[in-house]
N, C-alpha and C. Protein backbone atom coordinates (compact mmCIF):
# COMPACT_ATOMS: atom_id res chain seq x y z
N MET A 1 -0.42 2.92 -17.05
CA MET A 1 -0.69 3.19 -18.45
C MET A 1 0.21 2.30 -19.30
N LEU A 2 -0.35 1.70 -20.32
CA LEU A 2 0.41 0.83 -21.21
C LEU A 2 1.11 1.64 -22.29
N SER A 3 2.33 1.20 -22.64
CA SER A 3 3.11 1.93 -23.64
C SER A 3 3.38 1.12 -24.90
N GLY A 4 2.99 -0.16 -24.93
CA GLY A 4 3.18 -0.95 -26.13
C GLY A 4 2.79 -2.39 -25.92
N THR A 5 2.56 -3.10 -27.03
CA THR A 5 2.22 -4.52 -26.98
C THR A 5 2.91 -5.26 -28.11
N THR A 6 3.08 -6.57 -27.92
CA THR A 6 3.59 -7.43 -28.98
C THR A 6 3.10 -8.85 -28.75
N PHE A 7 2.78 -9.54 -29.83
CA PHE A 7 2.37 -10.94 -29.70
C PHE A 7 3.58 -11.83 -29.57
N CYS A 8 3.43 -12.89 -28.81
CA CYS A 8 4.48 -13.87 -28.61
C CYS A 8 4.23 -15.06 -29.54
N HIS A 9 3.31 -15.91 -29.18
CA HIS A 9 2.94 -17.04 -30.02
C HIS A 9 1.52 -17.45 -29.68
N PHE A 10 0.84 -17.95 -30.67
CA PHE A 10 -0.54 -18.38 -30.53
C PHE A 10 -1.39 -17.29 -29.89
N PHE A 11 -1.82 -17.48 -28.65
CA PHE A 11 -2.74 -16.56 -28.01
C PHE A 11 -2.08 -15.62 -27.01
N TYR A 12 -0.77 -15.72 -26.83
CA TYR A 12 -0.10 -14.93 -25.80
C TYR A 12 0.46 -13.63 -26.37
N PHE A 13 0.33 -12.57 -25.59
CA PHE A 13 0.93 -11.30 -25.98
C PHE A 13 1.44 -10.60 -24.73
N PHE A 14 2.34 -9.64 -24.94
CA PHE A 14 2.95 -8.88 -23.86
C PHE A 14 2.52 -7.42 -23.96
N ALA A 15 2.36 -6.81 -22.81
CA ALA A 15 2.03 -5.39 -22.73
C ALA A 15 3.04 -4.71 -21.82
N ALA A 16 3.58 -3.59 -22.28
CA ALA A 16 4.57 -2.83 -21.52
C ALA A 16 3.88 -1.68 -20.82
N ALA A 17 4.35 -1.38 -19.61
CA ALA A 17 3.74 -0.32 -18.83
C ALA A 17 4.76 0.77 -18.48
N ASP A 18 4.24 1.94 -18.15
CA ASP A 18 5.12 3.05 -17.83
C ASP A 18 5.73 2.97 -16.43
N ASP A 19 5.37 1.93 -15.66
CA ASP A 19 5.98 1.73 -14.34
C ASP A 19 7.10 0.70 -14.35
N GLY A 20 7.53 0.29 -15.56
CA GLY A 20 8.63 -0.66 -15.69
C GLY A 20 8.20 -2.11 -15.74
N LEU A 21 6.91 -2.37 -15.62
CA LEU A 21 6.41 -3.74 -15.65
C LEU A 21 6.07 -4.18 -17.07
N VAL A 22 6.21 -5.48 -17.31
CA VAL A 22 5.76 -6.11 -18.55
C VAL A 22 4.80 -7.22 -18.14
N TYR A 23 3.62 -7.23 -18.76
CA TYR A 23 2.59 -8.20 -18.45
C TYR A 23 2.44 -9.18 -19.60
N CYS A 24 2.26 -10.46 -19.26
CA CYS A 24 1.94 -11.48 -20.25
C CYS A 24 0.47 -11.80 -20.13
N PHE A 25 -0.25 -11.76 -21.25
CA PHE A 25 -1.68 -12.05 -21.28
C PHE A 25 -1.98 -13.21 -22.21
N ASP A 26 -3.02 -13.93 -21.91
CA ASP A 26 -3.58 -14.94 -22.79
C ASP A 26 -4.83 -14.30 -23.38
N ALA A 27 -4.87 -14.13 -24.68
CA ALA A 27 -5.98 -13.43 -25.32
C ALA A 27 -7.31 -14.15 -25.14
N ARG A 28 -7.28 -15.40 -24.77
CA ARG A 28 -8.52 -16.16 -24.55
C ARG A 28 -9.11 -15.91 -23.17
N VAL A 29 -8.33 -15.29 -22.27
CA VAL A 29 -8.78 -15.03 -20.90
C VAL A 29 -8.94 -13.53 -20.73
N ASP A 30 -10.07 -13.12 -20.23
CA ASP A 30 -10.39 -11.70 -20.13
C ASP A 30 -9.65 -10.99 -19.00
N LYS A 31 -8.78 -10.05 -19.34
CA LYS A 31 -8.15 -9.05 -18.47
C LYS A 31 -7.14 -9.52 -17.43
N LYS A 32 -7.07 -10.78 -17.11
CA LYS A 32 -6.15 -11.21 -16.06
C LYS A 32 -4.80 -11.62 -16.67
N ALA A 33 -3.73 -11.00 -16.17
CA ALA A 33 -2.39 -11.33 -16.66
C ALA A 33 -1.99 -12.73 -16.21
N VAL A 34 -1.31 -13.44 -17.10
CA VAL A 34 -0.77 -14.76 -16.76
C VAL A 34 0.37 -14.58 -15.77
N TYR A 35 1.22 -13.58 -16.03
CA TYR A 35 2.29 -13.20 -15.11
C TYR A 35 2.78 -11.81 -15.47
N SER A 36 3.57 -11.24 -14.60
CA SER A 36 4.21 -9.95 -14.88
C SER A 36 5.65 -10.02 -14.41
N ILE A 37 6.47 -9.16 -14.99
CA ILE A 37 7.88 -9.07 -14.59
C ILE A 37 8.23 -7.60 -14.37
N LYS A 38 9.05 -7.36 -13.38
CA LYS A 38 9.60 -6.01 -13.17
C LYS A 38 10.80 -5.90 -14.10
N ALA A 39 10.54 -5.44 -15.30
CA ALA A 39 11.55 -5.45 -16.35
C ALA A 39 12.55 -4.30 -16.24
N HIS A 40 12.07 -3.13 -15.84
CA HIS A 40 12.93 -1.94 -15.83
C HIS A 40 12.60 -1.03 -14.66
N ASP A 41 13.50 -0.07 -14.43
CA ASP A 41 13.31 0.91 -13.36
C ASP A 41 12.57 2.15 -13.81
N ALA A 42 12.27 2.24 -15.10
CA ALA A 42 11.52 3.36 -15.65
C ALA A 42 10.56 2.81 -16.71
N SER A 43 9.87 3.67 -17.38
CA SER A 43 8.88 3.28 -18.39
C SER A 43 9.47 2.34 -19.44
N VAL A 44 8.76 1.27 -19.73
CA VAL A 44 9.16 0.36 -20.81
C VAL A 44 8.65 0.99 -22.11
N THR A 45 9.59 1.34 -22.98
CA THR A 45 9.25 2.08 -24.19
C THR A 45 9.25 1.22 -25.44
N GLY A 46 9.69 -0.02 -25.31
CA GLY A 46 9.68 -0.92 -26.45
C GLY A 46 9.77 -2.36 -26.00
N LEU A 47 9.07 -3.22 -26.71
CA LEU A 47 9.22 -4.65 -26.50
C LEU A 47 8.97 -5.34 -27.82
N GLN A 48 9.86 -6.26 -28.15
CA GLN A 48 9.81 -6.95 -29.42
C GLN A 48 10.22 -8.40 -29.24
N MET A 49 9.53 -9.29 -29.93
CA MET A 49 9.95 -10.68 -29.99
C MET A 49 10.96 -10.81 -31.12
N SER A 50 11.95 -11.67 -30.94
CA SER A 50 12.88 -11.96 -32.02
C SER A 50 12.08 -12.53 -33.19
N SER A 51 12.46 -12.12 -34.38
CA SER A 51 11.75 -12.58 -35.58
C SER A 51 12.00 -14.04 -35.90
N LYS A 52 13.09 -14.60 -35.39
CA LYS A 52 13.46 -15.95 -35.78
C LYS A 52 13.84 -16.86 -34.62
N CYS A 53 13.86 -16.35 -33.41
CA CYS A 53 14.25 -17.17 -32.26
C CYS A 53 13.07 -17.29 -31.30
N PRO A 54 12.45 -18.45 -31.23
CA PRO A 54 11.28 -18.62 -30.36
C PRO A 54 11.59 -18.30 -28.90
N GLY A 55 10.73 -17.51 -28.29
CA GLY A 55 10.84 -17.20 -26.87
C GLY A 55 11.78 -16.08 -26.50
N CYS A 56 12.44 -15.45 -27.46
CA CYS A 56 13.38 -14.37 -27.16
C CYS A 56 12.66 -13.03 -27.22
N LEU A 57 12.44 -12.44 -26.04
CA LEU A 57 11.80 -11.14 -25.91
C LEU A 57 12.86 -10.11 -25.52
N VAL A 58 12.84 -8.97 -26.19
CA VAL A 58 13.75 -7.87 -25.88
C VAL A 58 12.91 -6.67 -25.45
N THR A 59 13.31 -6.05 -24.33
CA THR A 59 12.62 -4.86 -23.85
C THR A 59 13.59 -3.68 -23.79
N ALA A 60 13.04 -2.49 -23.95
CA ALA A 60 13.83 -1.25 -23.89
C ALA A 60 13.13 -0.28 -22.96
N SER A 61 13.92 0.66 -22.40
CA SER A 61 13.33 1.54 -21.40
C SER A 61 13.98 2.92 -21.37
N GLU A 62 13.25 3.83 -20.75
CA GLU A 62 13.81 5.16 -20.47
C GLU A 62 14.92 5.08 -19.43
N ASP A 63 15.12 3.93 -18.79
CA ASP A 63 16.24 3.78 -17.85
C ASP A 63 17.56 3.52 -18.59
N LYS A 64 17.53 3.64 -19.93
CA LYS A 64 18.70 3.56 -20.81
C LYS A 64 19.24 2.14 -20.96
N THR A 65 18.41 1.12 -20.68
CA THR A 65 18.85 -0.26 -20.82
C THR A 65 17.97 -1.02 -21.80
N LEU A 66 18.60 -2.03 -22.37
CA LEU A 66 17.95 -3.02 -23.21
C LEU A 66 18.10 -4.34 -22.46
N LYS A 67 17.03 -5.14 -22.35
CA LYS A 67 17.10 -6.41 -21.63
C LYS A 67 16.54 -7.53 -22.49
N VAL A 68 17.09 -8.72 -22.26
CA VAL A 68 16.69 -9.91 -23.01
C VAL A 68 16.10 -10.93 -22.04
N TRP A 69 14.96 -11.50 -22.44
CA TRP A 69 14.20 -12.44 -21.62
C TRP A 69 13.87 -13.69 -22.41
N ASP A 70 13.80 -14.81 -21.73
CA ASP A 70 13.29 -16.04 -22.33
C ASP A 70 11.86 -16.21 -21.84
N VAL A 71 10.92 -16.17 -22.76
CA VAL A 71 9.51 -16.28 -22.40
C VAL A 71 8.87 -17.54 -22.99
N ALA A 72 9.70 -18.53 -23.31
CA ALA A 72 9.18 -19.75 -23.91
C ALA A 72 8.41 -20.61 -22.91
N ALA A 73 8.68 -20.48 -21.64
CA ALA A 73 8.00 -21.26 -20.61
C ALA A 73 6.81 -20.47 -20.06
N ASP A 74 6.28 -20.91 -18.95
CA ASP A 74 5.13 -20.26 -18.34
C ASP A 74 5.47 -18.99 -17.58
N LYS A 75 6.74 -18.63 -17.51
CA LYS A 75 7.15 -17.37 -16.90
C LYS A 75 8.41 -16.89 -17.58
N ALA A 76 8.73 -15.63 -17.38
CA ALA A 76 9.90 -15.04 -18.02
C ALA A 76 11.16 -15.31 -17.22
N ALA A 77 12.24 -15.56 -17.93
CA ALA A 77 13.56 -15.71 -17.30
C ALA A 77 14.48 -14.64 -17.88
N PHE A 78 15.12 -13.88 -16.99
CA PHE A 78 16.07 -12.86 -17.40
C PHE A 78 17.33 -13.53 -17.94
N ILE A 79 17.81 -13.05 -19.09
CA ILE A 79 19.01 -13.63 -19.72
C ILE A 79 20.18 -12.65 -19.72
N ALA A 80 19.95 -11.42 -20.15
CA ALA A 80 21.06 -10.46 -20.25
C ALA A 80 20.52 -9.04 -20.31
N ASP A 81 21.41 -8.08 -19.99
CA ASP A 81 21.05 -6.69 -20.19
C ASP A 81 22.20 -5.95 -20.87
N PHE A 82 21.85 -4.84 -21.47
CA PHE A 82 22.80 -4.00 -22.19
C PHE A 82 22.62 -2.57 -21.67
N PRO A 83 23.32 -2.26 -20.57
CA PRO A 83 23.15 -0.94 -19.96
C PRO A 83 23.96 0.17 -20.64
N LYS A 84 24.74 -0.18 -21.63
CA LYS A 84 25.65 0.81 -22.20
C LYS A 84 25.21 1.32 -23.57
N ALA A 85 23.94 1.21 -23.88
CA ALA A 85 23.45 1.79 -25.12
C ALA A 85 23.69 3.29 -25.06
N LYS A 86 24.26 3.84 -26.08
CA LYS A 86 24.69 5.24 -26.04
C LYS A 86 23.71 6.16 -26.76
N VAL A 87 22.43 5.89 -26.59
CA VAL A 87 21.43 6.71 -27.26
C VAL A 87 20.61 7.53 -26.27
N GLY A 88 21.01 7.53 -25.01
CA GLY A 88 20.25 8.22 -23.96
C GLY A 88 19.08 7.36 -23.52
N LYS A 89 17.99 8.00 -23.15
CA LYS A 89 16.78 7.25 -22.82
C LYS A 89 16.29 6.56 -24.08
N ILE A 90 16.08 5.26 -24.01
CA ILE A 90 15.64 4.52 -25.20
C ILE A 90 14.14 4.75 -25.37
N LEU A 91 13.78 5.27 -26.54
CA LEU A 91 12.40 5.64 -26.81
C LEU A 91 11.71 4.72 -27.80
N SER A 92 12.49 3.93 -28.57
CA SER A 92 11.89 3.02 -29.53
C SER A 92 12.79 1.81 -29.74
N LEU A 93 12.17 0.71 -30.16
CA LEU A 93 12.85 -0.56 -30.37
C LEU A 93 12.20 -1.26 -31.55
N ALA A 94 13.02 -1.83 -32.44
CA ALA A 94 12.49 -2.59 -33.58
C ALA A 94 13.35 -3.83 -33.79
N ALA A 95 12.69 -4.93 -34.12
CA ALA A 95 13.38 -6.18 -34.41
C ALA A 95 13.61 -6.28 -35.91
N ASN A 96 14.78 -6.77 -36.30
CA ASN A 96 15.08 -7.02 -37.70
C ASN A 96 14.27 -8.24 -38.14
N PRO A 97 13.50 -8.15 -39.21
CA PRO A 97 12.69 -9.30 -39.63
C PRO A 97 13.50 -10.45 -40.22
N ASP A 98 14.76 -10.19 -40.60
CA ASP A 98 15.58 -11.20 -41.25
C ASP A 98 16.66 -11.81 -40.37
N GLU A 99 17.03 -11.14 -39.32
CA GLU A 99 18.10 -11.59 -38.42
C GLU A 99 17.54 -11.76 -37.01
N ALA A 100 17.72 -12.91 -36.44
CA ALA A 100 17.11 -13.26 -35.16
C ALA A 100 17.55 -12.37 -34.00
N PHE A 101 18.77 -11.86 -34.04
CA PHE A 101 19.33 -11.19 -32.87
C PHE A 101 19.73 -9.73 -33.12
N THR A 102 19.23 -9.15 -34.20
CA THR A 102 19.57 -7.77 -34.54
C THR A 102 18.37 -6.87 -34.26
N PHE A 103 18.61 -5.83 -33.46
CA PHE A 103 17.57 -4.89 -33.07
C PHE A 103 18.07 -3.47 -33.28
N ALA A 104 17.15 -2.56 -33.56
CA ALA A 104 17.47 -1.14 -33.68
C ALA A 104 16.80 -0.40 -32.53
N ILE A 105 17.54 0.56 -31.96
CA ILE A 105 16.97 1.39 -30.89
C ILE A 105 17.15 2.86 -31.25
N GLY A 106 16.22 3.65 -30.77
CA GLY A 106 16.29 5.10 -30.93
C GLY A 106 16.14 5.75 -29.57
N GLY A 107 16.87 6.84 -29.37
CA GLY A 107 16.83 7.49 -28.06
C GLY A 107 16.82 9.00 -28.15
N ASP A 108 16.98 9.62 -26.99
CA ASP A 108 16.88 11.08 -26.92
C ASP A 108 18.23 11.81 -26.91
N ALA A 109 19.34 11.08 -27.07
CA ALA A 109 20.65 11.73 -27.10
C ALA A 109 20.77 12.58 -28.38
N LYS A 110 21.26 13.80 -28.24
CA LYS A 110 21.34 14.69 -29.40
C LYS A 110 22.41 14.25 -30.40
N ASP A 111 23.54 13.76 -29.91
CA ASP A 111 24.64 13.41 -30.79
C ASP A 111 24.56 12.00 -31.38
N ASN A 112 23.91 11.10 -30.68
CA ASN A 112 23.84 9.70 -31.13
C ASN A 112 22.49 9.14 -30.71
N ASN A 113 21.49 9.29 -31.57
CA ASN A 113 20.15 8.88 -31.17
C ASN A 113 19.65 7.62 -31.85
N PHE A 114 20.55 6.87 -32.50
CA PHE A 114 20.16 5.64 -33.18
C PHE A 114 21.30 4.63 -33.10
N GLN A 115 20.96 3.37 -32.88
CA GLN A 115 21.98 2.33 -32.79
C GLN A 115 21.39 0.99 -33.22
N VAL A 116 22.17 0.21 -33.96
CA VAL A 116 21.80 -1.16 -34.30
C VAL A 116 22.63 -2.07 -33.41
N ILE A 117 21.96 -3.01 -32.74
CA ILE A 117 22.62 -3.87 -31.76
C ILE A 117 22.42 -5.33 -32.13
N ASP A 118 23.52 -6.07 -32.19
CA ASP A 118 23.47 -7.52 -32.37
C ASP A 118 23.64 -8.13 -30.97
N ILE A 119 22.52 -8.52 -30.35
CA ILE A 119 22.58 -9.00 -28.97
C ILE A 119 23.33 -10.32 -28.85
N LEU A 120 23.40 -11.08 -29.92
CA LEU A 120 24.13 -12.35 -29.90
C LEU A 120 25.64 -12.09 -29.83
N ALA A 121 26.11 -11.13 -30.61
CA ALA A 121 27.53 -10.82 -30.65
C ALA A 121 28.01 -10.16 -29.35
N LEU A 122 27.11 -9.47 -28.66
CA LEU A 122 27.50 -8.71 -27.48
C LEU A 122 27.35 -9.47 -26.16
N SER A 123 26.74 -10.64 -26.19
CA SER A 123 26.47 -11.33 -24.93
C SER A 123 26.69 -12.84 -25.03
N LYS A 124 27.61 -13.33 -24.23
CA LYS A 124 27.83 -14.79 -24.16
C LYS A 124 26.62 -15.49 -23.56
N ALA A 125 25.89 -14.81 -22.67
CA ALA A 125 24.69 -15.41 -22.09
C ALA A 125 23.62 -15.62 -23.16
N VAL A 126 23.46 -14.65 -24.06
CA VAL A 126 22.49 -14.79 -25.15
C VAL A 126 22.95 -15.92 -26.09
N GLN A 127 24.24 -15.96 -26.39
CA GLN A 127 24.78 -17.03 -27.25
C GLN A 127 24.49 -18.40 -26.67
N ALA A 128 24.80 -18.57 -25.40
CA ALA A 128 24.64 -19.88 -24.76
C ALA A 128 23.17 -20.27 -24.64
N HIS A 129 22.33 -19.31 -24.31
CA HIS A 129 20.93 -19.63 -24.05
C HIS A 129 20.10 -19.81 -25.32
N PHE A 130 20.24 -18.89 -26.27
CA PHE A 130 19.39 -18.90 -27.45
C PHE A 130 20.04 -19.50 -28.69
N GLY A 131 21.36 -19.57 -28.73
CA GLY A 131 22.05 -20.08 -29.91
C GLY A 131 21.51 -21.41 -30.42
N PRO A 132 21.30 -22.39 -29.55
CA PRO A 132 20.81 -23.69 -30.01
C PRO A 132 19.38 -23.66 -30.57
N ARG A 133 18.61 -22.62 -30.32
CA ARG A 133 17.22 -22.58 -30.77
C ARG A 133 17.04 -22.17 -32.22
N VAL A 134 18.07 -21.59 -32.80
CA VAL A 134 17.86 -21.02 -34.13
C VAL A 134 19.05 -21.30 -35.04
N THR A 135 18.74 -21.57 -36.30
CA THR A 135 19.78 -21.65 -37.32
C THR A 135 19.74 -20.31 -38.02
N ASN A 136 20.82 -19.55 -37.87
CA ASN A 136 20.83 -18.18 -38.33
C ASN A 136 22.19 -17.86 -38.93
N PRO A 137 22.24 -17.25 -40.11
CA PRO A 137 23.54 -16.92 -40.70
C PRO A 137 24.41 -16.07 -39.80
N THR A 138 23.84 -15.18 -39.01
CA THR A 138 24.63 -14.35 -38.10
C THR A 138 25.34 -15.21 -37.06
N PHE A 139 24.64 -16.20 -36.55
CA PHE A 139 25.22 -17.07 -35.53
C PHE A 139 26.33 -17.94 -36.11
N ALA A 140 26.24 -18.28 -37.39
CA ALA A 140 27.20 -19.18 -38.03
C ALA A 140 28.49 -18.48 -38.43
N LYS A 141 28.53 -17.16 -38.42
CA LYS A 141 29.74 -16.45 -38.83
C LYS A 141 30.85 -16.65 -37.81
N PRO A 142 32.13 -16.74 -38.29
CA PRO A 142 33.26 -16.91 -37.35
C PRO A 142 33.52 -15.66 -36.54
């Protein structure tokens, strides 16, 4: 069962499944996935493309992790994960339309069910991999 979709660029879009898989589809080709990735150990509850960084896909899951992927090529490459989100099972994910690396997550924790995460500030792997792709005020700050 699919739990969400998001467009990447041109004709490509991603679909998240409740078995932890994320599928990449070409909208011009009927029903056959271009590729799939085992993104999480539980249902993928959110997937969003960065608003300003080409190829940066972020996924969220009930396994309590947020993961970052590079999908600019013909297959996905894992870049980083954030297993310490303190919102419990992650139930929703949203990309900031103005900042390339800022995402909001919502979860099922009673005491702390919302968090804003700057994936660039929290991960040297994200900085090294995606930093050169985007000119962003967040990235330019000391």
